[in-house]
Amino acid sequence: MNAHRNATKKMGVLVAIGLLTLNISPPAWAGRFDVETKLTASDAAAEDDFSVSVAISGNTVIVGAEDDDDAGSSSGSAYLFDVTTGNQLFKLTASDGAEDDWFGRSVAISNDTAIVGAINDDDAGSKSGSAYLFDVTTGNQLFKLTASDASRYDWFGTSVAISGNTAIVGKTGGDDGGSLSGSAYLFDVTTGNQLLKLTASDAAPEDRFGTSVAIGGNTAIVGAQHNDDSGSDSGSAYLFDVTTGNQLFKLTASDAAEGDRFGTSVAISGNTAIVGAWLDNHVANGAGSAYLFDVTTGIELFKLTASDAAADDRFGVAVGISGNTAVVGAYGDDDAGSSSGSAYLFDVTTGDQILKLTASDAALY
């Protein structure tokens, strides 16, 4: 968990910048990326882990800072920003925030509602986890979400996503299919009520189903990066019908191999899903990759790799998709020094790389 935590933290701001840019829609690619906005917290402090998680919807960005200390060491927080100006709108904290909750580990936003995960919250025992819904226009907390069968060491809130009136929350510690098999839950955003619980049809111990989640329309995708179908930790992802909770397809990479961690990141838009495999070794050791799938059929469309892929780039640690454009993060890329990081944009219809994004003030680590 700590390795992925650190990876996501290093990559967070860069992916936020890439997604910010996706929200701009001029007539051609030229000129779309000539303006960079860097976001920082108004009360930034050492080791806050600001940007451990990021998400965007419309003109609003949310950024998690799981180690912020407002309610005790590592109680955590999240920040809302205006995309058009880069101005901070609100700082979000849990109404019952406490030390080591890690509120902000995961964030998502859709229209006027945001969701924030707090994986170490202790309501149902040590590290049972929770998630919180907020009104984006006011910054007010709406509901606190917990699993109906919550128990200690569930890490509910490991991943969160939201689309319209439905939110999904993943927990890697669930044990329906054995220890750490994992599960995910659907909630009604307007009431905070739990709708359905999702588990893999072939759930097994240590799969960590719920490592990543995403939702688009009536389809949800859940990653299980430690699934072992093609060797230890080769990974997989699952598509579900949101209205019924029925599993639609299990996704695996066409060239899946041991240790790839396929499913460490997922995203969905329309009829296309993207899945990251950040430790894929097919280009170089630990270079990473990502895969595009047709949501209606479960068929793999393209495998994405960076044009300048190199060992230990960790391409695929974070992914996003909107319309016909996908973004993939590579926190280990070394253009501006060791692990300075980068992100890549791809055309979803062709699988072709469009642009590489790096920060104007990129530096090692």
Protein backbone atom coordinates (compact mmCIF):
# COMPACT_ATOMS: atom_id res chain seq x y z
CA MET A 1 0.00 0.00 0.00
CA ASN A 2 2.79 2.45 0.85
CA ALA A 3 4.47 1.99 -2.55
CA HIS A 4 1.30 2.88 -4.40
CA ARG A 5 0.62 5.70 -1.94
CA ASN A 6 3.99 7.27 -2.69
CA ALA A 7 3.60 6.70 -6.41
CA THR A 8 0.25 8.42 -6.51
CA LYS A 9 1.52 11.31 -4.41
CA LYS A 10 4.43 11.95 -6.79
CA MET A 11 2.18 11.84 -9.83
CA GLY A 12 -0.84 13.73 -8.53
CA VAL A 13 -0.23 17.33 -9.60
CA LEU A 14 0.92 16.37 -13.07
CA VAL A 15 -2.19 14.34 -13.78
CA ALA A 16 -4.29 17.20 -12.43
CA ILE A 17 -2.68 19.55 -14.93
CA GLY A 18 -3.27 17.08 -17.75
CA LEU A 19 -6.94 16.70 -16.86
CA LEU A 20 -7.36 20.44 -16.49
CA THR A 21 -6.20 20.79 -20.04
CA LEU A 22 -8.65 18.16 -21.26
CA ASN A 23 -11.43 20.44 -20.13
CA ILE A 24 -10.49 23.02 -22.79
CA SER A 25 -12.08 22.52 -26.20
CA PRO A 26 -10.68 24.78 -28.94
CA PRO A 27 -10.96 23.66 -32.56
CA ALA A 28 -7.50 22.14 -32.86
CA TRP A 29 -4.77 20.62 -30.72
CA ALA A 30 -2.42 23.54 -31.40
CA GLY A 31 -2.44 26.01 -28.54
CA ARG A 32 -4.37 23.78 -26.15
CA PHE A 33 -1.41 23.32 -23.83
CA ASP A 34 0.27 26.71 -23.80
CA VAL A 35 -1.13 27.68 -20.39
CA GLU A 36 -0.14 25.83 -17.25
CA THR A 37 -1.80 26.30 -13.88
CA LYS A 38 -0.02 25.09 -10.76
CA LEU A 39 -2.22 24.47 -7.74
CA THR A 40 -0.98 24.75 -4.16
CA ALA A 41 -2.83 24.79 -0.86
CA SER A 42 -3.33 28.14 0.87
CA ASP A 43 -2.00 26.59 4.09
CA ALA A 44 0.55 24.24 2.53
CA ALA A 45 2.99 22.64 4.98
CA ALA A 46 5.74 20.07 4.92
CA GLU A 47 4.63 16.46 4.42
CA ASP A 48 0.94 17.26 3.84
CA ASP A 49 1.00 14.97 0.78
CA PHE A 50 -1.01 17.50 -1.21
CA SER A 51 -1.91 15.91 -4.58
CA VAL A 52 -1.96 12.32 -3.34
CA SER A 53 -5.27 12.25 -5.25
CA VAL A 54 -6.87 14.52 -7.84
CA ALA A 55 -10.08 14.74 -9.86
CA ILE A 56 -11.91 17.24 -12.07
CA SER A 57 -15.44 17.98 -13.23
CA GLY A 58 -16.44 21.01 -15.24
CA ASN A 59 -14.65 24.04 -13.83
CA THR A 60 -13.73 22.53 -10.47
CA VAL A 61 -10.74 20.49 -9.35
CA ILE A 62 -10.40 18.59 -6.07
CA VAL A 63 -7.02 17.71 -4.58
CA GLY A 64 -6.42 15.43 -1.60
CA ALA A 65 -3.83 15.99 1.14
CA GLU A 66 -4.03 12.90 3.32
CA ASP A 67 -1.27 13.91 5.74
CA ASP A 68 -2.56 17.39 6.55
CA ASP A 69 -2.75 17.80 10.34
CA ASP A 70 -5.82 20.02 10.98
CA ALA A 71 -7.54 17.47 13.24
CA GLY A 72 -4.41 15.67 14.38
CA SER A 73 -1.40 14.15 12.69
CA SER A 74 -2.37 12.82 9.23
CA SER A 75 -6.06 13.51 9.77
CA GLY A 76 -6.11 14.75 6.18
CA SER A 77 -7.95 17.29 4.05
CA ALA A 78 -8.95 18.11 0.48
CA TYR A 79 -9.11 21.34 -1.51
CA LEU A 80 -11.45 22.63 -4.21
CA PHE A 81 -10.05 24.92 -6.92
CA ASP A 82 -11.52 26.97 -9.77
CA VAL A 83 -10.13 25.65 -13.06
CA THR A 84 -10.39 28.96 -14.88
CA THR A 85 -8.41 30.94 -12.31
CA GLY A 86 -6.53 28.39 -10.23
CA ASN A 87 -8.00 30.02 -7.10
CA GLN A 88 -8.73 27.87 -4.06
CA LEU A 89 -12.47 27.75 -3.34
CA PHE A 90 -12.78 25.65 -0.18
CA LYS A 91 -10.79 23.44 2.11
CA LEU A 92 -12.66 20.26 3.00
CA THR A 93 -12.22 18.34 6.24
CA ALA A 94 -14.31 15.64 7.88
CA SER A 95 -16.77 16.76 10.55
CA ASP A 96 -15.36 14.02 12.79
CA GLY A 97 -11.78 14.08 11.54
CA ALA A 98 -9.20 12.44 13.77
CA GLU A 99 -5.52 11.58 13.85
CA ASP A 100 -4.35 9.14 11.15
CA ASP A 101 -7.68 9.04 9.28
CA TRP A 102 -5.96 9.83 5.96
CA PHE A 103 -8.96 11.80 4.74
CA GLY A 104 -8.03 12.74 1.18
CA ARG A 105 -6.40 9.46 0.20
CA SER A 106 -8.94 9.28 -2.62
CA VAL A 107 -11.12 11.99 -4.18
CA ALA A 108 -13.65 12.32 -6.99
CA ILE A 109 -16.08 14.94 -8.23
CA SER A 110 -19.14 15.09 -10.47
CA ASN A 111 -21.07 18.30 -11.08
CA ASP A 112 -21.86 19.80 -7.66
CA THR A 113 -20.88 16.83 -5.51
CA ALA A 114 -17.46 15.66 -4.35
CA ILE A 115 -16.46 12.51 -2.49
CA VAL A 116 -13.41 12.04 -0.29
CA GLY A 117 -12.10 8.76 1.13
CA ALA A 118 -10.64 8.35 4.62
CA ILE A 119 -9.26 4.83 4.64
CA ASN A 120 -8.04 4.78 8.23
CA ASP A 121 -11.19 6.09 9.90
CA ASP A 122 -12.06 3.84 12.85
CA ASP A 123 -15.88 3.91 13.16
CA ALA A 124 -16.20 0.13 12.78
CA GLY A 125 -12.79 -0.78 14.17
CA SER A 126 -9.20 0.13 13.39
CA LYS A 127 -8.83 1.28 9.77
CA SER A 128 -12.35 0.25 8.79
CA GLY A 129 -12.51 3.38 6.64
CA SER A 130 -15.16 5.80 5.45
CA ALA A 131 -15.96 8.34 2.73
CA TYR A 132 -17.63 11.76 2.78
CA LEU A 133 -19.87 13.59 0.32
CA PHE A 134 -19.61 17.38 -0.02
CA ASP A 135 -21.53 20.14 -1.80
CA VAL A 136 -19.02 21.69 -4.19
CA THR A 137 -20.82 25.04 -4.30
CA THR A 138 -20.67 25.57 -0.54
CA GLY A 139 -18.00 23.19 0.74
CA ASN A 140 -20.52 21.75 3.20
CA GLN A 141 -20.42 18.08 4.17
CA LEU A 142 -23.56 16.23 3.04
CA PHE A 143 -23.16 12.63 4.21
CA LYS A 144 -20.66 10.26 5.72
CA LEU A 145 -20.56 6.89 3.96
CA THR A 146 -19.61 3.59 5.57
CA ALA A 147 -20.09 0.01 4.44
CA SER A 148 -23.11 -1.88 5.76
CA ASP A 149 -20.77 -4.71 6.76
CA ALA A 150 -17.84 -2.57 7.87
CA SER A 151 -15.13 -4.15 9.99
CA ARG A 152 -11.57 -3.40 11.03
CA TYR A 153 -8.82 -3.28 8.44
CA ASP A 154 -11.28 -2.94 5.55
CA TRP A 155 -9.69 0.29 4.24
CA PHE A 156 -13.05 1.37 2.85
CA GLY A 157 -12.32 4.52 0.85
CA THR A 158 -9.15 3.21 -0.75
CA SER A 159 -10.73 4.36 -4.02
CA VAL A 160 -13.76 6.52 -4.81
CA ALA A 161 -15.60 7.70 -7.90
CA ILE A 162 -18.83 9.49 -8.66
CA SER A 163 -21.07 9.99 -11.68
CA GLY A 164 -24.36 11.83 -11.49
CA ASN A 165 -26.31 10.52 -8.51
CA THR A 166 -24.22 7.43 -7.93
CA ALA A 167 -20.94 7.05 -6.06
CA ILE A 168 -18.71 4.01 -5.78
CA VAL A 169 -16.29 3.27 -2.96
CA GLY A 170 -13.68 0.53 -3.00
CA LYS A 171 -12.20 -1.30 -0.04
CA THR A 172 -9.25 -3.64 -0.46
CA GLY A 173 -9.55 -5.28 2.94
CA GLY A 174 -12.90 -7.01 2.41
CA ASP A 175 -12.82 -10.76 2.93
CA ASP A 176 -15.91 -12.10 1.13
CA GLY A 177 -13.64 -14.19 -1.10
CA GLY A 178 -10.91 -14.65 1.49
CA SER A 179 -8.57 -12.27 3.28
CA LEU A 180 -7.96 -9.06 1.29
CA SER A 181 -10.14 -10.23 -1.59
CA GLY A 182 -11.76 -6.77 -1.60
CA SER A 183 -15.12 -5.31 -2.56
CA ALA A 184 -16.82 -2.09 -3.70
CA TYR A 185 -20.07 -0.34 -2.80
CA LEU A 186 -22.54 1.82 -4.69
CA PHE A 187 -24.28 4.73 -2.94
CA ASP A 188 -27.11 7.13 -3.78
CA VAL A 189 -25.51 10.58 -3.68
CA THR A 190 -28.82 12.33 -2.89
CA THR A 191 -29.50 10.28 0.25
CA GLY A 192 -26.18 8.72 1.23
CA ASN A 193 -27.86 5.29 1.21
CA GLN A 194 -25.94 2.20 0.17
CA LEU A 195 -27.42 0.67 -2.98
CA LEU A 196 -25.37 -2.39 -3.84
CA LYS A 197 -22.21 -4.26 -2.88
CA LEU A 198 -19.95 -5.41 -5.71
CA THR A 199 -17.60 -8.39 -5.55
CA ALA A 200 -15.74 -10.30 -8.24
CA SER A 201 -17.33 -13.50 -9.51
CA ASP A 202 -14.00 -15.24 -8.97
CA ALA A 203 -12.90 -13.40 -5.83
CA ALA A 204 -9.84 -14.88 -4.16
CA PRO A 205 -7.60 -14.02 -1.19
CA GLU A 206 -5.14 -11.14 -1.71
CA ASP A 207 -6.74 -9.94 -4.98
CA ARG A 208 -7.41 -6.48 -3.49
CA PHE A 209 -10.45 -5.92 -5.68
CA GLY A 210 -11.32 -2.25 -5.09
CA THR A 211 -7.78 -0.95 -5.46
CA SER A 212 -9.21 1.40 -8.09
CA VAL A 213 -12.76 2.30 -9.11
CA ALA A 214 -14.44 4.44 -11.73
CA ILE A 215 -17.99 4.99 -12.89
CA GLY A 216 -19.53 6.35 -16.06
CA GLY A 217 -23.26 6.36 -16.70
CA ASN A 218 -24.59 2.91 -15.92
CA THR A 219 -21.23 1.16 -15.90
CA ALA A 220 -18.65 0.85 -13.14
CA ILE A 221 -15.14 -0.55 -13.36
CA VAL A 222 -13.18 -1.98 -10.45
CA GLY A 223 -9.50 -2.88 -10.47
CA ALA A 224 -7.94 -5.87 -8.71
CA GLN A 225 -4.22 -5.37 -9.23
CA HIS A 226 -3.19 -8.48 -7.29
CA ASN A 227 -5.38 -10.96 -9.17
CA ASP A 228 -3.30 -13.94 -10.28
CA ASP A 229 -4.92 -15.21 -13.49
CA SER A 230 -1.74 -14.82 -15.55
CA GLY A 231 0.74 -15.17 -12.74
CA SER A 232 1.18 -13.63 -9.32
CA ASP A 233 -0.05 -10.01 -9.28
CA SER A 234 -0.75 -9.95 -13.02
CA GLY A 235 -3.97 -8.10 -12.20
CA SER A 236 -7.45 -7.69 -13.64
CA ALA A 237 -10.44 -5.34 -13.73
CA TYR A 238 -14.19 -5.90 -13.75
CA LEU A 239 -17.10 -4.10 -15.39
CA PHE A 240 -20.47 -3.93 -13.61
CA ASP A 241 -23.99 -2.75 -14.42
CA VAL A 242 -24.64 0.02 -11.89
CA THR A 243 -28.40 -0.45 -11.88
CA THR A 244 -28.30 -4.17 -11.05
CA GLY A 245 -24.83 -4.77 -9.63
CA ASN A 246 -24.35 -7.57 -12.13
CA GLN A 247 -20.84 -8.26 -13.38
CA LEU A 248 -20.61 -7.68 -17.13
CA PHE A 249 -17.04 -8.58 -18.05
CA LYS A 250 -13.70 -9.41 -16.51
CA LEU A 251 -10.86 -7.52 -18.19
CA THR A 252 -7.31 -8.78 -18.46
CA ALA A 253 -4.47 -7.69 -20.69
CA SER A 254 -3.88 -9.65 -23.89
CA ASP A 255 -0.21 -9.95 -22.92
CA ALA A 256 -0.72 -10.23 -19.16
CA ALA A 257 2.26 -11.44 -17.15
CA GLU A 258 3.33 -11.92 -13.57
CA GLY A 259 3.82 -8.72 -11.61
CA ASP A 260 2.19 -6.34 -14.14
CA ARG A 261 -0.32 -4.97 -11.58
CA PHE A 262 -2.94 -4.44 -14.29
CA GLY A 263 -5.84 -2.70 -12.56
CA THR A 264 -3.80 -0.41 -10.34
CA SER A 265 -5.67 2.48 -12.00
CA VAL A 266 -8.93 2.62 -13.98
CA ALA A 267 -11.12 5.21 -15.67
CA ILE A 268 -14.16 5.18 -17.91
CA SER A 269 -15.87 7.57 -20.32
CA GLY A 270 -18.76 6.64 -22.57
CA ASN A 271 -18.06 3.25 -24.13
CA THR A 272 -14.34 3.22 -23.42
CA ALA A 273 -12.41 2.21 -20.33
CA ILE A 274 -8.70 2.54 -19.60
CA VAL A 275 -6.73 0.34 -17.23
CA GLY A 276 -3.17 0.96 -16.05
CA ALA A 277 -0.51 -1.70 -15.53
CA TRP A 278 2.25 0.34 -13.94
CA LEU A 279 4.76 -2.50 -13.53
CA ASP A 280 4.40 -4.01 -16.99
CA ASN A 281 7.84 -5.02 -18.29
CA HIS A 282 7.19 -5.51 -22.00
CA VAL A 283 9.02 -2.36 -23.10
CA ALA A 284 11.51 -2.21 -20.24
CA ASN A 285 11.61 -3.33 -16.62
CA GLY A 286 8.90 -1.41 -14.77
CA ALA A 287 8.25 0.93 -17.70
CA GLY A 288 4.51 0.30 -17.43
CA SER A 289 1.59 0.39 -19.84
CA ALA A 290 -2.14 1.03 -20.11
CA TYR A 291 -4.94 -0.60 -22.08
CA LEU A 292 -8.12 0.68 -23.72
CA PHE A 293 -11.25 -1.50 -23.73
CA ASP A 294 -14.68 -1.38 -25.34
CA VAL A 295 -17.11 -1.28 -22.42
CA THR A 296 -19.97 -2.82 -24.42
CA THR A 297 -18.01 -5.94 -25.37
CA GLY A 298 -15.09 -6.14 -22.93
CA ILE A 299 -12.72 -6.37 -25.91
CA GLU A 300 -9.25 -4.82 -25.69
CA LEU A 301 -8.83 -2.03 -28.24
CA PHE A 302 -5.26 -0.76 -27.83
CA LYS A 303 -2.24 -1.12 -25.62
CA LEU A 304 -0.69 2.25 -24.75
CA THR A 305 2.98 2.79 -24.03
CA ALA A 306 5.05 5.96 -23.92
CA SER A 307 7.00 6.88 -27.06
CA ASP A 308 10.09 7.31 -24.87
CA ALA A 309 9.39 4.49 -22.43
CA ALA A 310 12.25 3.57 -20.12
CA ALA A 311 12.85 1.30 -17.17
CA ASP A 312 11.08 2.26 -13.95
CA ASP A 313 8.95 5.01 -15.52
CA ARG A 314 5.82 3.51 -13.89
CA PHE A 315 3.65 4.62 -16.81
CA GLY A 316 0.08 3.68 -15.92
CA VAL A 317 0.20 4.48 -12.21
CA ALA A 318 -2.59 7.00 -12.87
CA VAL A 319 -5.04 7.19 -15.77
CA GLY A 320 -7.92 9.37 -16.88
CA ILE A 321 -10.21 9.58 -19.87
CA SER A 322 -12.69 12.11 -21.26
CA GLY A 323 -14.37 11.75 -24.63
CA ASN A 324 -11.74 10.79 -27.20
CA THR A 325 -8.70 11.66 -25.08
CA ALA A 326 -6.91 9.64 -22.42
CA VAL A 327 -4.14 10.72 -20.07
CA VAL A 328 -1.59 8.40 -18.47
CA GLY A 329 0.80 9.33 -15.68
CA ALA A 330 4.41 8.15 -15.38
CA TYR A 331 5.76 9.34 -12.04
CA GLY A 332 9.14 7.65 -12.57
CA ASP A 333 10.00 9.41 -15.83
CA ASP A 334 13.38 11.19 -15.55
CA ASP A 335 13.26 14.12 -18.02
CA ALA A 336 14.01 16.70 -15.32
CA GLY A 337 15.87 14.40 -12.96
CA SER A 338 15.16 11.10 -11.25
CA SER A 339 11.40 10.57 -10.88
CA SER A 340 10.55 14.10 -12.01
CA GLY A 341 7.51 12.58 -13.69
CA SER A 342 5.41 13.21 -16.77
CA ALA A 343 2.05 12.45 -18.34
CA TYR A 344 1.02 11.47 -21.85
CA LEU A 345 -2.11 12.20 -23.88
CA PHE A 346 -3.51 9.62 -26.30
CA ASP A 347 -6.20 9.57 -28.97
CA VAL A 348 -8.71 6.97 -27.80
CA THR A 349 -9.95 6.23 -31.34
CA THR A 350 -6.49 5.28 -32.66
CA GLY A 351 -4.35 4.59 -29.59
CA ASP A 352 -1.81 7.13 -30.88
CA GLN A 353 0.18 9.33 -28.50
CA ILE A 354 -0.70 13.01 -28.94
CA LEU A 355 1.48 14.90 -26.50
CA LYS A 356 3.80 14.48 -23.55
CA LEU A 357 3.20 16.79 -20.59
CA THR A 358 5.83 17.88 -18.08
CA ALA A 359 5.72 20.57 -15.43
CA SER A 360 7.47 23.87 -16.18
CA ASP A 361 9.24 23.61 -12.82
CA ALA A 362 9.84 19.85 -12.90
CA ALA A 363 12.61 18.61 -10.62
CA LEU A 364 13.97 15.29 -9.38
CA TYR A 365 11.73 13.41 -6.97
